[in-house]
């Protein structure tokens, strides 16, 4: 895994969520990079989030790059459910109101979907990942994972809505997948893998693209 003593470069990830940081380290683990979370930078404060995945991801990464003077990664993810008109979307982490933990948001989601037809439980996870340099360069990438919302939680792995999101490619809840299997198909994995070339370029592992 990245982040060991042999890592030649350091990139700061705009998150205090240990589960998210662990996933990003595993997704990009073959890079010679130490991915640091905000727990190591307690003076950095995240801006208030809005209703746009891309704006949220870029704003978070930009603030971290400014405060730490290092290349920064940010992401914003959301769950989009057909029966909720595409919601909760970019407000997924705040769904149901202030003070709810992951289990509380999952319970709120299931209550909102009580009695809806099965087709209305179709859903997708969406992630926008952003790289921002101290000099102001910005690169973004998008990843998606299609599935549906289960009637009840299943599995103990992952975090967020993973216990009630059955990924179409897996046929089981995300929370039942191994870390390796989740990182093969998840929205976050797809977004950060799509950002890999930009990461390598901006930390000096590959020559800049021309044109």
C-alpha atoms as a PDB file:
ATOM      1  CA  UNK A   1       0.000   0.000   0.000  1.00  0.00           C
ATOM      2  CA  UNK A   2       1.132   3.576  -0.636  1.00  0.00           C
ATOM      3  CA  UNK A   3       2.142   5.773   2.238  1.00  0.00           C
ATOM      4  CA  UNK A   4       5.063   3.631   3.431  1.00  0.00           C
ATOM      5  CA  UNK A   5       8.564   4.870   4.115  1.00  0.00           C
ATOM      6  CA  UNK A   6       9.619   4.190   0.524  1.00  0.00           C
ATOM      7  CA  UNK A   7       7.086   6.603  -1.004  1.00  0.00           C
ATOM      8  CA  UNK A   8       8.872   9.275  -3.015  1.00  0.00           C
ATOM      9  CA  UNK A   9       6.027  11.783  -3.277  1.00  0.00           C
ATOM     10  CA  UNK A  10       3.319  13.140  -1.006  1.00  0.00           C
ATOM     11  CA  UNK A  11      -0.241  14.014  -1.995  1.00  0.00           C
ATOM     12  CA  UNK A  12      -2.849  15.288   0.454  1.00  0.00           C
ATOM     13  CA  UNK A  13      -6.380  13.911   0.201  1.00  0.00           C
ATOM     14  CA  UNK A  14      -9.161  16.293   1.229  1.00  0.00           C
ATOM     15  CA  UNK A  15     -10.909  13.949   3.631  1.00  0.00           C
ATOM     16  CA  UNK A  16     -11.105  13.135   7.317  1.00  0.00           C
ATOM     17  CA  UNK A  17     -13.000   9.915   6.541  1.00  0.00           C
ATOM     18  CA  UNK A  18     -10.635   6.991   7.255  1.00  0.00           C
ATOM     19  CA  UNK A  19     -12.673   4.614   5.083  1.00  0.00           C
ATOM     20  CA  UNK A  20     -12.454   6.890   2.068  1.00  0.00           C
ATOM     21  CA  UNK A  21      -8.723   7.502   2.584  1.00  0.00           C
ATOM     22  CA  UNK A  22      -8.100   3.752   2.863  1.00  0.00           C
ATOM     23  CA  UNK A  23      -9.969   3.122  -0.418  1.00  0.00           C
ATOM     24  CA  UNK A  24      -8.010   5.788  -2.288  1.00  0.00           C
ATOM     25  CA  UNK A  25      -4.735   4.365  -0.974  1.00  0.00           C
ATOM     26  CA  UNK A  26      -5.774   0.904  -2.186  1.00  0.00           C
ATOM     27  CA  UNK A  27      -7.015   2.135  -5.585  1.00  0.00           C
ATOM     28  CA  UNK A  28      -3.747   3.975  -6.289  1.00  0.00           C
ATOM     29  CA  UNK A  29      -1.548   1.760  -4.127  1.00  0.00           C
ATOM     30  CA  UNK A  30       1.051   0.931  -6.785  1.00  0.00           C
ATOM     31  CA  UNK A  31       2.106   4.569  -7.147  1.00  0.00           C
ATOM     32  CA  UNK A  32       5.208   5.650  -5.157  1.00  0.00           C
ATOM     33  CA  UNK A  33       3.054   8.188  -3.309  1.00  0.00           C
ATOM     34  CA  UNK A  34       2.244   8.783   0.356  1.00  0.00           C
ATOM     35  CA  UNK A  35      -1.426   9.738   0.423  1.00  0.00           C
ATOM     36  CA  UNK A  36      -2.047  11.803   3.564  1.00  0.00           C
ATOM     37  CA  UNK A  37      -5.460  12.607   5.022  1.00  0.00           C
ATOM     38  CA  UNK A  38      -6.604  15.695   6.889  1.00  0.00           C
ATOM     39  CA  UNK A  39      -6.008  13.975  10.234  1.00  0.00           C
ATOM     40  CA  UNK A  40      -2.352  14.900   9.626  1.00  0.00           C
ATOM     41  CA  UNK A  41      -3.281  18.513   8.843  1.00  0.00           C
ATOM     42  CA  UNK A  42      -5.662  19.551  11.642  1.00  0.00           C
ATOM     43  CA  UNK A  43      -5.436  23.234  10.731  1.00  0.00           C
ATOM     44  CA  UNK A  44      -7.058  22.718   7.324  1.00  0.00           C
ATOM     45  CA  UNK A  45     -10.809  23.349   7.320  1.00  0.00           C
ATOM     46  CA  UNK A  46     -13.130  22.167   4.560  1.00  0.00           C
ATOM     47  CA  UNK A  47     -15.502  24.637   2.879  1.00  0.00           C
ATOM     48  CA  UNK A  48     -19.255  24.176   3.087  1.00  0.00           C
ATOM     49  CA  UNK A  49     -20.552  21.862   0.377  1.00  0.00           C
ATOM     50  CA  UNK A  50     -23.163  22.753  -2.224  1.00  0.00           C
ATOM     51  CA  UNK A  51     -25.222  20.919  -4.837  1.00  0.00           C
ATOM     52  CA  UNK A  52     -22.566  20.144  -7.474  1.00  0.00           C
ATOM     53  CA  UNK A  53     -20.264  17.113  -7.286  1.00  0.00           C
ATOM     54  CA  UNK A  54     -17.599  18.806  -9.382  1.00  0.00           C
ATOM     55  CA  UNK A  55     -17.708  22.125  -7.538  1.00  0.00           C
ATOM     56  CA  UNK A  56     -17.521  20.353  -4.178  1.00  0.00           C
ATOM     57  CA  UNK A  57     -14.584  18.161  -5.225  1.00  0.00           C
ATOM     58  CA  UNK A  58     -12.612  21.024  -6.758  1.00  0.00           C
ATOM     59  CA  UNK A  59     -13.291  23.423  -3.882  1.00  0.00           C
ATOM     60  CA  UNK A  60     -12.104  20.896  -1.302  1.00  0.00           C
ATOM     61  CA  UNK A  61      -8.946  20.033  -3.234  1.00  0.00           C
ATOM     62  CA  UNK A  62      -8.209  23.696  -3.943  1.00  0.00           C
ATOM     63  CA  UNK A  63      -8.411  24.617  -0.258  1.00  0.00           C
ATOM     64  CA  UNK A  64      -6.116  21.744   0.728  1.00  0.00           C
ATOM     65  CA  UNK A  65      -3.583  22.607  -2.002  1.00  0.00           C
ATOM     66  CA  UNK A  66      -3.601  26.238  -0.874  1.00  0.00           C
ATOM     67  CA  UNK A  67      -3.190  25.405   2.810  1.00  0.00           C
ATOM     68  CA  UNK A  68      -0.571  22.662   2.481  1.00  0.00           C
ATOM     69  CA  UNK A  69       1.281  23.822  -0.656  1.00  0.00           C
ATOM     70  CA  UNK A  70       1.084  20.263  -1.952  1.00  0.00           C
ATOM     71  CA  UNK A  71      -0.756  18.512  -4.757  1.00  0.00           C
ATOM     72  CA  UNK A  72      -4.213  17.712  -3.404  1.00  0.00           C
ATOM     73  CA  UNK A  73      -6.974  15.295  -4.278  1.00  0.00           C
ATOM     74  CA  UNK A  74     -10.625  15.879  -3.498  1.00  0.00           C
ATOM     75  CA  UNK A  75     -13.740  13.980  -4.381  1.00  0.00           C
ATOM     76  CA  UNK A  76     -17.470  14.254  -3.973  1.00  0.00           C
ATOM     77  CA  UNK A  77     -19.787  11.297  -4.250  1.00  0.00           C
ATOM     78  CA  UNK A  78     -23.497  10.767  -4.139  1.00  0.00           C
ATOM     79  CA  UNK A  79     -26.257   8.243  -4.445  1.00  0.00           C
ATOM     80  CA  UNK A  80     -28.872   8.920  -7.133  1.00  0.00           C
ATOM     81  CA  UNK A  81     -32.140   6.966  -6.789  1.00  0.00           C
ATOM     82  CA  UNK A  82     -34.800   6.960  -9.514  1.00  0.00           C
ATOM     83  CA  UNK A  83     -37.685   6.949  -7.036  1.00  0.00           C
ATOM     84  CA  UNK A  84     -36.272  10.070  -5.397  1.00  0.00           C
ATOM     85  CA  UNK A  85     -35.938  11.995  -8.648  1.00  0.00           C
ATOM     86  CA  UNK A  86     -32.188  11.432  -8.715  1.00  0.00           C
ATOM     87  CA  UNK A  87     -31.760  12.346  -5.065  1.00  0.00           C
ATOM     88  CA  UNK A  88     -30.176  12.620  -2.641  1.00  0.00           C
ATOM     89  CA  UNK A  89     -27.318  13.265  -5.096  1.00  0.00           C
ATOM     90  CA  UNK A  90     -24.656  15.718  -3.975  1.00  0.00           C
ATOM     91  CA  UNK A  91     -26.450  16.023  -0.635  1.00  0.00           C
ATOM     92  CA  UNK A  92     -26.082  12.320   0.153  1.00  0.00           C
ATOM     93  CA  UNK A  93     -23.758  12.930   3.104  1.00  0.00           C
ATOM     94  CA  UNK A  94     -26.317  15.352   4.582  1.00  0.00           C
ATOM     95  CA  UNK A  95     -29.435  13.393   3.668  1.00  0.00           C
ATOM     96  CA  UNK A  96     -32.057  13.290   6.386  1.00  0.00           C
ATOM     97  CA  UNK A  97     -30.743  16.313   8.257  1.00  0.00           C
ATOM     98  CA  UNK A  98     -27.925  17.180  10.612  1.00  0.00           C
ATOM     99  CA  UNK A  99     -26.749  14.742  13.240  1.00  0.00           C
ATOM    100  CA  UNK A 100     -27.376  11.480  11.403  1.00  0.00           C
ATOM    101  CA  UNK A 101     -24.603   8.907  11.062  1.00  0.00           C
ATOM    102  CA  UNK A 102     -24.312   6.412   8.198  1.00  0.00           C
ATOM    103  CA  UNK A 103     -26.858   4.058   9.769  1.00  0.00           C
ATOM    104  CA  UNK A 104     -29.286   6.915  10.325  1.00  0.00           C
ATOM    105  CA  UNK A 105     -29.060   8.059   6.709  1.00  0.00           C
ATOM    106  CA  UNK A 106     -29.559   4.499   5.474  1.00  0.00           C
ATOM    107  CA  UNK A 107     -32.645   4.130   7.684  1.00  0.00           C
ATOM    108  CA  UNK A 108     -34.011   7.438   6.388  1.00  0.00           C
ATOM    109  CA  UNK A 109     -33.463   6.312   2.786  1.00  0.00           C
ATOM    110  CA  UNK A 110     -35.306   3.037   3.366  1.00  0.00           C
ATOM    111  CA  UNK A 111     -38.239   4.872   4.945  1.00  0.00           C
ATOM    112  CA  UNK A 112     -38.450   7.198   1.950  1.00  0.00           C
ATOM    113  CA  UNK A 113     -38.578   4.207  -0.407  1.00  0.00           C
ATOM    114  CA  UNK A 114     -41.180   2.183   1.467  1.00  0.00           C
ATOM    115  CA  UNK A 115     -43.883   0.957  -0.900  1.00  0.00           C
ATOM    116  CA  UNK A 116     -42.254   2.182  -4.116  1.00  0.00           C
ATOM    117  CA  UNK A 117     -42.150  -0.225  -7.110  1.00  0.00           C
ATOM    118  CA  UNK A 118     -38.947  -2.136  -7.769  1.00  0.00           C
ATOM    119  CA  UNK A 119     -38.040  -0.046 -10.813  1.00  0.00           C
ATOM    120  CA  UNK A 120     -38.039   3.070  -8.626  1.00  0.00           C
ATOM    121  CA  UNK A 121     -35.289   1.473  -6.522  1.00  0.00           C
ATOM    122  CA  UNK A 122     -32.848   1.592  -9.437  1.00  0.00           C
ATOM    123  CA  UNK A 123     -29.891   3.746  -8.449  1.00  0.00           C
ATOM    124  CA  UNK A 124     -26.322   4.669  -9.176  1.00  0.00           C
ATOM    125  CA  UNK A 125     -23.344   5.902  -7.230  1.00  0.00           C
ATOM    126  CA  UNK A 126     -21.551   8.876  -8.818  1.00  0.00           C
ATOM    127  CA  UNK A 127     -18.100  10.233  -7.964  1.00  0.00           C
ATOM    128  CA  UNK A 128     -16.179  13.229  -9.247  1.00  0.00           C
ATOM    129  CA  UNK A 129     -12.491  13.203  -8.333  1.00  0.00           C
ATOM    130  CA  UNK A 130     -10.371  16.341  -8.617  1.00  0.00           C
ATOM    131  CA  UNK A 131      -6.659  17.057  -8.593  1.00  0.00           C
ATOM    132  CA  UNK A 132      -5.522  20.595  -7.787  1.00  0.00           C
ATOM    133  CA  UNK A 133      -1.919  21.806  -7.619  1.00  0.00           C
ATOM    134  CA  UNK A 134      -0.596  24.674  -5.487  1.00  0.00           C
ATOM    135  CA  UNK A 135      -0.067  26.551  -8.754  1.00  0.00           C
ATOM    136  CA  UNK A 136      -3.767  26.289  -9.586  1.00  0.00           C
ATOM    137  CA  UNK A 137      -3.957  23.506 -12.179  1.00  0.00           C
ATOM    138  CA  UNK A 138      -7.248  21.564 -11.986  1.00  0.00           C
ATOM    139  CA  UNK A 139      -8.089  18.151 -13.464  1.00  0.00           C
ATOM    140  CA  UNK A 140     -11.320  16.219 -12.837  1.00  0.00           C
ATOM    141  CA  UNK A 141     -12.628  12.754 -13.638  1.00  0.00           C
ATOM    142  CA  UNK A 142     -15.989  11.006 -13.222  1.00  0.00           C
ATOM    143  CA  UNK A 143     -16.916   7.469 -12.201  1.00  0.00           C
ATOM    144  CA  UNK A 144     -20.273   5.690 -11.865  1.00  0.00           C
ATOM    145  CA  UNK A 145     -21.569   2.390 -10.524  1.00  0.00           C
ATOM    146  CA  UNK A 146     -25.096   1.207 -11.360  1.00  0.00           C
ATOM    147  CA  UNK A 147     -27.312  -0.832  -9.055  1.00  0.00           C
ATOM    148  CA  UNK A 148     -30.432  -0.772  -6.930  1.00  0.00           C
ATOM    149  CA  UNK A 149     -31.489  -0.131  -3.350  1.00  0.00           C
ATOM    150  CA  UNK A 150     -32.191  -3.231  -1.265  1.00  0.00           C
ATOM    151  CA  UNK A 151     -35.102  -3.577   1.144  1.00  0.00           C
ATOM    152  CA  UNK A 152     -32.771  -3.940   4.132  1.00  0.00           C
ATOM    153  CA  UNK A 153     -29.053  -3.570   4.919  1.00  0.00           C
ATOM    154  CA  UNK A 154     -26.779  -6.482   4.033  1.00  0.00           C
ATOM    155  CA  UNK A 155     -23.119  -6.931   4.942  1.00  0.00           C
ATOM    156  CA  UNK A 156     -20.749  -5.161   7.295  1.00  0.00           C
ATOM    157  CA  UNK A 157     -18.029  -3.803   5.020  1.00  0.00           C
ATOM    158  CA  UNK A 158     -17.600  -0.403   3.418  1.00  0.00           C
ATOM    159  CA  UNK A 159     -19.319   2.722   4.684  1.00  0.00           C
ATOM    160  CA  UNK A 160     -22.090   5.137   3.780  1.00  0.00           C
ATOM    161  CA  UNK A 161     -24.874   3.549   1.745  1.00  0.00           C
ATOM    162  CA  UNK A 162     -22.876   0.412   0.909  1.00  0.00           C
ATOM    163  CA  UNK A 163     -25.121  -1.927   2.993  1.00  0.00           C
ATOM    164  CA  UNK A 164     -28.223  -1.131   0.913  1.00  0.00           C
ATOM    165  CA  UNK A 165     -26.681  -0.604  -2.531  1.00  0.00           C
ATOM    166  CA  UNK A 166     -26.636  -3.761  -4.627  1.00  0.00           C
ATOM    167  CA  UNK A 167     -24.140  -3.249  -7.430  1.00  0.00           C
ATOM    168  CA  UNK A 168     -25.377  -4.600 -10.753  1.00  0.00           C
ATOM    169  CA  UNK A 169     -21.973  -6.029 -11.623  1.00  0.00           C
ATOM    170  CA  UNK A 170     -21.702  -7.917  -8.328  1.00  0.00           C
ATOM    171  CA  UNK A 171     -25.274  -8.952  -7.552  1.00  0.00           C
ATOM    172  CA  UNK A 172     -24.765  -8.278  -3.833  1.00  0.00           C
ATOM    173  CA  UNK A 173     -24.605  -5.258  -1.565  1.00  0.00           C
ATOM    174  CA  UNK A 174     -21.388  -3.270  -1.753  1.00  0.00           C
ATOM    175  CA  UNK A 175     -20.946  -3.933   1.970  1.00  0.00           C
ATOM    176  CA  UNK A 176     -20.581  -7.660   1.220  1.00  0.00           C
ATOM    177  CA  UNK A 177     -17.715  -7.223  -1.225  1.00  0.00           C
ATOM    178  CA  UNK A 178     -14.056  -7.577  -0.382  1.00  0.00           C
ATOM    179  CA  UNK A 179     -12.015  -4.398  -0.618  1.00  0.00           C
ATOM    180  CA  UNK A 180     -10.420  -5.682  -3.819  1.00  0.00           C
ATOM    181  CA  UNK A 181     -13.767  -6.454  -5.443  1.00  0.00           C
ATOM    182  CA  UNK A 182     -15.276  -3.133  -4.397  1.00  0.00           C
ATOM    183  CA  UNK A 183     -12.269  -1.256  -5.730  1.00  0.00           C
ATOM    184  CA  UNK A 184     -12.681  -3.018  -9.066  1.00  0.00           C
ATOM    185  CA  UNK A 185     -16.192  -1.678  -9.759  1.00  0.00           C
ATOM    186  CA  UNK A 186     -16.920   1.253  -7.452  1.00  0.00           C
ATOM    187  CA  UNK A 187     -17.636   4.778  -8.610  1.00  0.00           C
ATOM    188  CA  UNK A 188     -14.724   6.101  -6.555  1.00  0.00           C
ATOM    189  CA  UNK A 189     -12.289   3.573  -8.013  1.00  0.00           C
ATOM    190  CA  UNK A 190     -13.331   4.453 -11.550  1.00  0.00           C
ATOM    191  CA  UNK A 191     -12.985   8.189 -10.949  1.00  0.00           C
ATOM    192  CA  UNK A 192      -9.554   7.973  -9.333  1.00  0.00           C
ATOM    193  CA  UNK A 193      -8.231   5.486 -11.879  1.00  0.00           C
ATOM    194  CA  UNK A 194      -9.310   7.939 -14.591  1.00  0.00           C
ATOM    195  CA  UNK A 195      -7.319  10.614 -12.741  1.00  0.00           C
ATOM    196  CA  UNK A 196      -4.179   8.494 -12.502  1.00  0.00           C
ATOM    197  CA  UNK A 197      -2.366   9.958 -15.536  1.00  0.00           C
ATOM    198  CA  UNK A 198      -2.882  13.478 -14.192  1.00  0.00           C
ATOM    199  CA  UNK A 199      -1.541  12.472 -10.781  1.00  0.00           C
ATOM    200  CA  UNK A 200       1.568  10.962 -12.345  1.00  0.00           C
ATOM    201  CA  UNK A 201       2.091  14.045 -14.493  1.00  0.00           C
ATOM    202  CA  UNK A 202       1.718  16.584 -11.708  1.00  0.00           C
ATOM    203  CA  UNK A 203       4.025  14.819  -9.271  1.00  0.00           C
ATOM    204  CA  UNK A 204       6.655  14.345 -11.989  1.00  0.00           C
ATOM    205  CA  UNK A 205       6.284  10.635 -12.774  1.00  0.00           C
ATOM    206  CA  UNK A 206       5.473  11.272 -16.440  1.00  0.00           C
ATOM    207  CA  UNK A 207       6.132  14.007 -18.949  1.00  0.00           C
ATOM    208  CA  UNK A 208       3.359  16.624 -19.381  1.00  0.00           C
ATOM    209  CA  UNK A 209       1.004  16.030 -22.273  1.00  0.00           C
ATOM    210  CA  UNK A 210       1.420  18.362 -25.214  1.00  0.00           C
ATOM    211  CA  UNK A 211      -1.251  20.035 -27.264  1.00  0.00           C
END
